[in-house]
Amino acid sequence: MKPFFATLLFCSLLLSFFFLEPAIAYEDASNCSKKCSDRCIVAGVKDRCLKYCGICCAECKCVPSGTYGNKHECPCYRDKVNNKGKSKCP
């Protein structure tokens, strides 16, 4: 009986990971402008934030939630750097 419940628990966790993880940050490229508008709403230089967020969203297919931080939700977005080694994505 215990192995059955352990297997059931493992399968449910595995399935929930596959269904919930893409819903967190990954988007199709058509939704980038909305996600970037939300991300850059409080930016000091809004046009630059929107430009780089759009580039990163198109390449990574995701934008982290919120206006700052949360880059762990999108590793591609987090790991993009410019030629000076600074984060490319706002």
N, C-alpha and C. Protein backbone atom coordinates (compact mmCIF):
# COMPACT_ATOMS: atom_id res chain seq x y z
N MET A 1 0.82 -1.19 0.00
CA MET A 1 0.00 0.00 0.00
C MET A 1 0.87 1.26 0.00
N LYS A 2 1.95 1.27 0.79
CA LYS A 2 2.82 2.45 0.85
C LYS A 2 3.50 2.73 -0.49
N PRO A 3 4.00 1.69 -1.20
CA PRO A 3 4.62 1.97 -2.50
C PRO A 3 3.63 2.57 -3.50
N PHE A 4 2.37 2.17 -3.40
CA PHE A 4 1.35 2.73 -4.29
C PHE A 4 1.18 4.22 -4.05
N PHE A 5 1.07 4.63 -2.79
CA PHE A 5 0.91 6.04 -2.47
C PHE A 5 2.16 6.85 -2.81
N ALA A 6 3.31 6.26 -2.60
CA ALA A 6 4.56 6.94 -2.95
C ALA A 6 4.65 7.15 -4.46
N THR A 7 4.26 6.13 -5.22
CA THR A 7 4.26 6.25 -6.68
C THR A 7 3.25 7.27 -7.15
N LEU A 8 2.07 7.25 -6.53
CA LEU A 8 1.03 8.22 -6.87
C LEU A 8 1.48 9.65 -6.57
N LEU A 9 2.11 9.84 -5.43
CA LEU A 9 2.61 11.16 -5.06
C LEU A 9 3.69 11.64 -6.03
N PHE A 10 4.61 10.76 -6.35
CA PHE A 10 5.67 11.10 -7.30
C PHE A 10 5.10 11.49 -8.66
N CYS A 11 4.16 10.72 -9.16
CA CYS A 11 3.55 11.01 -10.46
C CYS A 11 2.80 12.33 -10.45
N SER A 12 2.09 12.61 -9.36
CA SER A 12 1.35 13.87 -9.29
C SER A 12 2.30 15.07 -9.22
N LEU A 13 3.40 14.93 -8.49
CA LEU A 13 4.39 16.01 -8.45
C LEU A 13 5.04 16.23 -9.81
N LEU A 14 5.34 15.14 -10.48
CA LEU A 14 5.94 15.23 -11.80
C LEU A 14 5.00 15.90 -12.80
N LEU A 15 3.75 15.51 -12.79
CA LEU A 15 2.77 16.12 -13.69
C LEU A 15 2.54 17.59 -13.35
N SER A 16 2.47 17.92 -12.06
CA SER A 16 2.25 19.32 -11.69
C SER A 16 3.42 20.19 -12.13
N PHE A 17 4.64 19.66 -12.09
CA PHE A 17 5.80 20.42 -12.55
C PHE A 17 5.66 20.74 -14.04
N PHE A 18 5.26 19.77 -14.84
CA PHE A 18 5.15 19.98 -16.27
C PHE A 18 4.03 20.95 -16.62
N PHE A 19 2.97 20.99 -15.84
CA PHE A 19 1.86 21.89 -16.15
C PHE A 19 2.02 23.27 -15.56
N LEU A 20 2.64 23.39 -14.40
CA LEU A 20 2.75 24.69 -13.73
C LEU A 20 3.97 25.48 -14.16
N GLU A 21 5.09 24.84 -14.39
CA GLU A 21 6.34 25.54 -14.71
C GLU A 21 6.21 26.42 -15.95
N PRO A 22 5.63 25.97 -17.05
CA PRO A 22 5.51 26.86 -18.21
C PRO A 22 4.56 28.01 -17.97
N ALA A 23 3.62 27.86 -17.07
CA ALA A 23 2.67 28.92 -16.80
C ALA A 23 3.28 30.05 -16.00
N ILE A 24 4.42 29.83 -15.38
CA ILE A 24 5.02 30.84 -14.52
C ILE A 24 5.57 32.00 -15.34
N ALA A 25 6.43 31.74 -16.28
CA ALA A 25 7.11 32.84 -16.96
C ALA A 25 7.14 32.71 -18.47
N TYR A 26 7.04 31.53 -19.02
CA TYR A 26 7.22 31.35 -20.45
C TYR A 26 6.01 31.84 -21.23
N GLU A 27 6.27 32.61 -22.24
CA GLU A 27 5.22 33.21 -23.06
C GLU A 27 5.56 33.02 -24.52
N ASP A 28 4.56 33.16 -25.37
CA ASP A 28 4.88 33.20 -26.79
C ASP A 28 5.29 34.62 -27.13
N ALA A 29 5.96 34.78 -28.22
CA ALA A 29 6.53 36.08 -28.58
C ALA A 29 5.46 37.14 -28.81
N SER A 30 4.23 36.75 -29.14
CA SER A 30 3.17 37.72 -29.39
C SER A 30 2.74 38.44 -28.12
N ASN A 31 3.03 37.87 -26.96
CA ASN A 31 2.63 38.47 -25.70
C ASN A 31 3.76 39.29 -25.05
N CYS A 32 4.87 39.45 -25.74
CA CYS A 32 6.02 40.15 -25.17
C CYS A 32 5.72 41.60 -24.84
N SER A 33 5.00 42.29 -25.69
CA SER A 33 4.77 43.72 -25.45
C SER A 33 3.99 43.94 -24.16
N LYS A 34 3.00 43.11 -23.88
CA LYS A 34 2.22 43.24 -22.65
C LYS A 34 3.08 42.92 -21.43
N LYS A 35 3.82 41.82 -21.51
CA LYS A 35 4.67 41.43 -20.38
C LYS A 35 5.75 42.47 -20.12
N CYS A 36 6.34 43.01 -21.19
CA CYS A 36 7.39 44.03 -21.02
C CYS A 36 6.81 45.34 -20.52
N SER A 37 5.60 45.68 -20.93
CA SER A 37 4.96 46.89 -20.40
C SER A 37 4.77 46.76 -18.89
N ASP A 38 4.34 45.59 -18.45
CA ASP A 38 4.18 45.36 -17.01
C ASP A 38 5.53 45.38 -16.30
N ARG A 39 6.55 44.80 -16.93
CA ARG A 39 7.88 44.73 -16.32
C ARG A 39 8.51 46.13 -16.20
N CYS A 40 8.27 46.99 -17.18
CA CYS A 40 8.96 48.28 -17.26
C CYS A 40 8.12 49.46 -16.78
N ILE A 41 7.00 49.21 -16.14
CA ILE A 41 6.09 50.29 -15.78
C ILE A 41 6.72 51.32 -14.84
N VAL A 42 7.65 50.93 -14.00
CA VAL A 42 8.27 51.88 -13.07
C VAL A 42 9.72 52.20 -13.44
N ALA A 43 10.14 51.82 -14.63
CA ALA A 43 11.53 52.05 -15.04
C ALA A 43 11.81 53.54 -15.21
N GLY A 44 13.01 53.94 -14.87
CA GLY A 44 13.41 55.34 -15.05
C GLY A 44 13.53 55.71 -16.51
N VAL A 45 14.09 54.84 -17.32
CA VAL A 45 14.24 55.06 -18.77
C VAL A 45 13.37 54.00 -19.44
N LYS A 46 12.09 54.31 -19.57
CA LYS A 46 11.10 53.33 -20.00
C LYS A 46 11.34 52.81 -21.41
N ASP A 47 11.70 53.69 -22.35
CA ASP A 47 11.89 53.23 -23.74
C ASP A 47 13.04 52.25 -23.86
N ARG A 48 14.12 52.47 -23.11
CA ARG A 48 15.25 51.55 -23.13
C ARG A 48 14.87 50.21 -22.47
N CYS A 49 14.14 50.29 -21.37
CA CYS A 49 13.68 49.07 -20.69
C CYS A 49 12.81 48.25 -21.63
N LEU A 50 11.87 48.89 -22.32
CA LEU A 50 10.98 48.18 -23.24
C LEU A 50 11.75 47.57 -24.41
N LYS A 51 12.75 48.30 -24.90
CA LYS A 51 13.55 47.79 -26.02
C LYS A 51 14.29 46.51 -25.63
N TYR A 52 15.02 46.55 -24.52
CA TYR A 52 15.82 45.40 -24.13
C TYR A 52 14.95 44.26 -23.60
N CYS A 53 13.88 44.58 -22.94
CA CYS A 53 12.96 43.54 -22.49
C CYS A 53 12.36 42.83 -23.70
N GLY A 54 12.00 43.57 -24.74
CA GLY A 54 11.45 42.97 -25.95
C GLY A 54 12.45 42.06 -26.65
N ILE A 55 13.71 42.49 -26.71
CA ILE A 55 14.76 41.66 -27.30
C ILE A 55 14.91 40.37 -26.51
N CYS A 56 14.99 40.49 -25.19
CA CYS A 56 15.18 39.31 -24.34
C CYS A 56 13.97 38.39 -24.39
N CYS A 57 12.78 38.96 -24.41
CA CYS A 57 11.57 38.15 -24.46
C CYS A 57 11.48 37.37 -25.77
N ALA A 58 11.82 38.03 -26.87
CA ALA A 58 11.78 37.35 -28.16
C ALA A 58 12.77 36.19 -28.22
N GLU A 59 13.94 36.37 -27.64
CA GLU A 59 14.95 35.32 -27.66
C GLU A 59 14.67 34.22 -26.63
N CYS A 60 14.20 34.60 -25.46
CA CYS A 60 14.03 33.64 -24.36
C CYS A 60 12.62 33.09 -24.25
N LYS A 61 11.66 33.74 -24.87
CA LYS A 61 10.25 33.35 -24.80
C LYS A 61 9.70 33.42 -23.38
N CYS A 62 10.26 34.32 -22.56
CA CYS A 62 9.74 34.50 -21.21
C CYS A 62 10.17 35.85 -20.66
N VAL A 63 9.39 36.34 -19.70
CA VAL A 63 9.70 37.56 -18.97
C VAL A 63 9.37 37.28 -17.50
N PRO A 64 10.28 37.56 -16.59
CA PRO A 64 9.99 37.33 -15.17
C PRO A 64 8.84 38.21 -14.69
N SER A 65 8.13 37.75 -13.68
CA SER A 65 7.02 38.51 -13.14
C SER A 65 7.53 39.70 -12.34
N GLY A 66 6.69 40.68 -12.14
CA GLY A 66 7.02 41.84 -11.34
C GLY A 66 7.82 42.88 -12.11
N THR A 67 8.16 43.96 -11.42
CA THR A 67 8.89 45.05 -12.06
C THR A 67 10.39 44.97 -11.86
N TYR A 68 10.84 44.10 -10.97
CA TYR A 68 12.27 43.97 -10.69
C TYR A 68 12.53 42.61 -10.08
N GLY A 69 13.69 42.04 -10.35
CA GLY A 69 14.06 40.76 -9.76
C GLY A 69 13.29 39.60 -10.37
N ASN A 70 13.13 38.54 -9.62
CA ASN A 70 12.42 37.32 -10.04
C ASN A 70 13.03 36.68 -11.29
N LYS A 71 14.29 36.97 -11.58
CA LYS A 71 14.91 36.44 -12.79
C LYS A 71 15.15 34.93 -12.71
N HIS A 72 15.01 34.35 -11.53
CA HIS A 72 15.13 32.90 -11.40
C HIS A 72 14.00 32.19 -12.16
N GLU A 73 12.92 32.90 -12.44
CA GLU A 73 11.81 32.32 -13.19
C GLU A 73 12.16 32.08 -14.66
N CYS A 74 13.17 32.77 -15.14
CA CYS A 74 13.54 32.67 -16.55
C CYS A 74 15.07 32.69 -16.67
N PRO A 75 15.71 31.52 -16.60
CA PRO A 75 17.17 31.47 -16.62
C PRO A 75 17.80 32.10 -17.86
N CYS A 76 17.19 31.94 -19.02
CA CYS A 76 17.73 32.54 -20.24
C CYS A 76 17.77 34.06 -20.10
N TYR A 77 16.69 34.63 -19.62
CA TYR A 77 16.57 36.07 -19.39
C TYR A 77 17.62 36.53 -18.38
N ARG A 78 17.79 35.76 -17.34
CA ARG A 78 18.76 36.07 -16.27
C ARG A 78 20.20 36.04 -16.78
N ASP A 79 20.53 35.08 -17.65
CA ASP A 79 21.91 34.85 -18.03
C ASP A 79 22.40 35.67 -19.22
N LYS A 80 21.53 36.43 -19.87
CA LYS A 80 21.96 37.27 -20.99
C LYS A 80 22.74 38.45 -20.45
N VAL A 81 23.93 38.68 -21.01
CA VAL A 81 24.77 39.80 -20.59
C VAL A 81 25.22 40.60 -21.80
N ASN A 82 25.51 41.89 -21.57
CA ASN A 82 26.02 42.72 -22.65
C ASN A 82 27.54 42.55 -22.74
N ASN A 83 28.17 43.32 -23.61
CA ASN A 83 29.62 43.17 -23.81
C ASN A 83 30.45 43.64 -22.61
N LYS A 84 29.81 44.32 -21.66
CA LYS A 84 30.50 44.75 -20.44
C LYS A 84 30.28 43.78 -19.27
N GLY A 85 29.55 42.70 -19.53
CA GLY A 85 29.30 41.70 -18.50
C GLY A 85 28.12 42.01 -17.60
N LYS A 86 27.39 43.08 -17.88
CA LYS A 86 26.21 43.46 -17.08
C LYS A 86 24.99 42.77 -17.67
N SER A 87 23.96 42.63 -16.86
CA SER A 87 22.73 41.99 -17.31
C SER A 87 22.12 42.79 -18.47
N LYS A 88 21.80 42.09 -19.54
CA LYS A 88 21.23 42.75 -20.72
C LYS A 88 19.74 42.99 -20.53
N CYS A 89 19.09 42.12 -19.80
CA CYS A 89 17.63 42.17 -19.67
C CYS A 89 17.21 42.86 -18.38
N PRO A 90 16.26 43.79 -18.50
CA PRO A 90 15.82 44.53 -17.31
C PRO A 90 14.96 43.70 -16.37
